[in-house]
């Protein structure tokens, strides 16, 4: 495969899905681990991921949690989990696409090379 832009653009769906999965599992795992008192180094390492590659997922999860008002006819936890997963995946995918667009137009490519894979 001849790819003239960074490799992230060729596999953007996989990158978006993998970064979302890692971020979603880390955020949920850290919340559960915080209840039981985990070692500090785990929070530091996972926090570095969540504040860098997982920042869109982290911010969307925090926003959904802050704005969540559950209607009385819906079960609380399953509905919240579904909404949080859908919104965080959408935000993570949009941010990956924005990064790809920025990288493809920032002069990283070879001169005179078209920005397609």
Protein backbone atom coordinates (compact mmCIF):
# COMPACT_ATOMS: atom_id res chain seq x y z
CA UNK A 1 0.00 0.00 0.00
CA UNK A 2 1.38 3.34 -1.02
CA UNK A 3 0.47 5.87 1.62
CA UNK A 4 1.79 9.38 1.28
CA UNK A 5 0.29 10.75 4.48
CA UNK A 6 0.94 9.43 7.97
CA UNK A 7 -0.07 5.84 8.64
CA UNK A 8 -2.84 6.98 10.96
CA UNK A 9 -4.79 8.22 7.93
CA UNK A 10 -4.69 4.85 6.21
CA UNK A 11 -6.17 3.06 9.21
CA UNK A 12 -8.23 5.83 10.80
CA UNK A 13 -11.17 3.55 11.65
CA UNK A 14 -8.93 1.14 13.53
CA UNK A 15 -7.10 3.97 15.27
CA UNK A 16 -10.36 5.61 16.35
CA UNK A 17 -11.84 2.34 17.60
CA UNK A 18 -8.69 1.19 19.42
CA UNK A 19 -8.04 4.53 21.13
CA UNK A 20 -11.70 4.69 22.15
CA UNK A 21 -11.68 1.13 23.53
CA UNK A 22 -8.50 1.69 25.51
CA UNK A 23 -9.71 5.02 26.86
CA UNK A 24 -13.19 3.76 27.75
CA UNK A 25 -11.88 0.69 29.58
CA UNK A 26 -9.19 2.71 31.38
CA UNK A 27 -11.68 5.35 32.53
CA UNK A 28 -14.12 2.76 33.86
CA UNK A 29 -11.33 0.71 35.39
CA UNK A 30 -9.81 3.71 37.13
CA UNK A 31 -13.16 4.67 38.62
CA UNK A 32 -13.60 1.15 39.97
CA UNK A 33 -10.01 0.99 41.17
CA UNK A 34 -10.34 4.33 42.94
CA UNK A 35 -13.07 2.84 45.12
CA UNK A 36 -10.78 0.04 46.27
CA UNK A 37 -7.58 2.06 46.65
CA UNK A 38 -5.22 1.18 43.84
CA UNK A 39 -1.50 1.93 43.73
CA UNK A 40 -0.63 5.50 42.70
CA UNK A 41 1.59 4.52 39.78
CA UNK A 42 -1.39 2.97 37.96
CA UNK A 43 -3.31 6.23 38.24
CA UNK A 44 -0.33 8.18 36.93
CA UNK A 45 0.24 5.94 33.91
CA UNK A 46 -3.43 5.68 33.03
CA UNK A 47 -3.89 9.40 33.63
CA UNK A 48 -1.16 10.13 31.10
CA UNK A 49 -3.05 8.12 28.48
CA UNK A 50 -6.40 9.68 29.39
CA UNK A 51 -4.94 13.19 29.19
CA UNK A 52 -3.26 12.62 25.83
CA UNK A 53 -4.66 10.14 23.30
CA UNK A 54 -7.80 9.48 25.33
CA UNK A 55 -8.63 13.11 26.04
CA UNK A 56 -11.70 13.28 23.76
CA UNK A 57 -13.18 10.16 25.36
CA UNK A 58 -12.35 11.39 28.84
CA UNK A 59 -13.92 14.80 28.28
CA UNK A 60 -17.03 13.33 26.70
CA UNK A 61 -17.48 10.85 29.57
CA UNK A 62 -17.10 13.64 32.10
CA UNK A 63 -19.57 15.81 30.17
CA UNK A 64 -22.16 13.05 29.96
CA UNK A 65 -21.75 12.33 33.67
CA UNK A 66 -22.09 16.00 34.57
CA UNK A 67 -25.15 16.59 32.40
CA UNK A 68 -26.89 13.27 33.02
CA UNK A 69 -30.49 13.55 34.09
CA UNK A 70 -32.17 10.20 33.80
CA UNK A 71 -35.83 10.07 32.83
CA UNK A 72 -37.81 8.14 35.46
CA UNK A 73 -38.99 5.45 33.02
CA UNK A 74 -35.45 4.40 31.97
CA UNK A 75 -33.08 2.24 34.00
CA UNK A 76 -30.22 4.40 35.20
CA UNK A 77 -26.95 2.53 34.75
CA UNK A 78 -27.56 0.69 31.44
CA UNK A 79 -28.96 3.79 29.78
CA UNK A 80 -26.07 5.93 31.01
CA UNK A 81 -23.55 3.34 29.81
CA UNK A 82 -25.06 3.20 26.33
CA UNK A 83 -25.27 6.99 25.97
CA UNK A 84 -21.76 7.47 27.33
CA UNK A 85 -20.33 4.84 24.98
CA UNK A 86 -22.06 6.23 21.90
CA UNK A 87 -21.18 9.85 22.59
CA UNK A 88 -17.58 9.12 23.58
CA UNK A 89 -17.05 6.97 20.47
CA UNK A 90 -18.43 9.71 18.24
CA UNK A 91 -16.23 12.36 19.86
CA UNK A 92 -13.12 10.14 19.67
CA UNK A 93 -13.77 9.39 15.99
CA UNK A 94 -14.27 13.07 15.15
CA UNK A 95 -11.06 14.00 16.95
CA UNK A 96 -9.07 11.35 15.06
CA UNK A 97 -10.44 12.72 11.79
CA UNK A 98 -9.53 16.27 12.81
CA UNK A 99 -5.97 15.18 13.66
CA UNK A 100 -5.68 13.42 10.29
CA UNK A 101 -6.90 16.51 8.47
CA UNK A 102 -4.43 18.66 10.38
CA UNK A 103 -1.54 16.29 9.66
CA UNK A 104 -2.40 15.97 5.99
CA UNK A 105 -2.46 19.76 5.50
CA UNK A 106 0.41 20.77 7.77
CA UNK A 107 3.27 20.15 5.37
CA UNK A 108 4.32 16.79 6.77
CA UNK A 109 3.66 15.14 3.41
CA UNK A 110 6.16 14.93 0.65
CA UNK A 111 6.06 17.95 -1.65
CA UNK A 112 3.63 17.54 -4.55
CA UNK A 113 2.19 14.31 -3.10
CA UNK A 114 -1.59 13.96 -3.07
CA UNK A 115 -3.09 13.41 0.42
CA UNK A 116 -4.68 10.04 -0.34
CA UNK A 117 -3.79 6.44 0.46
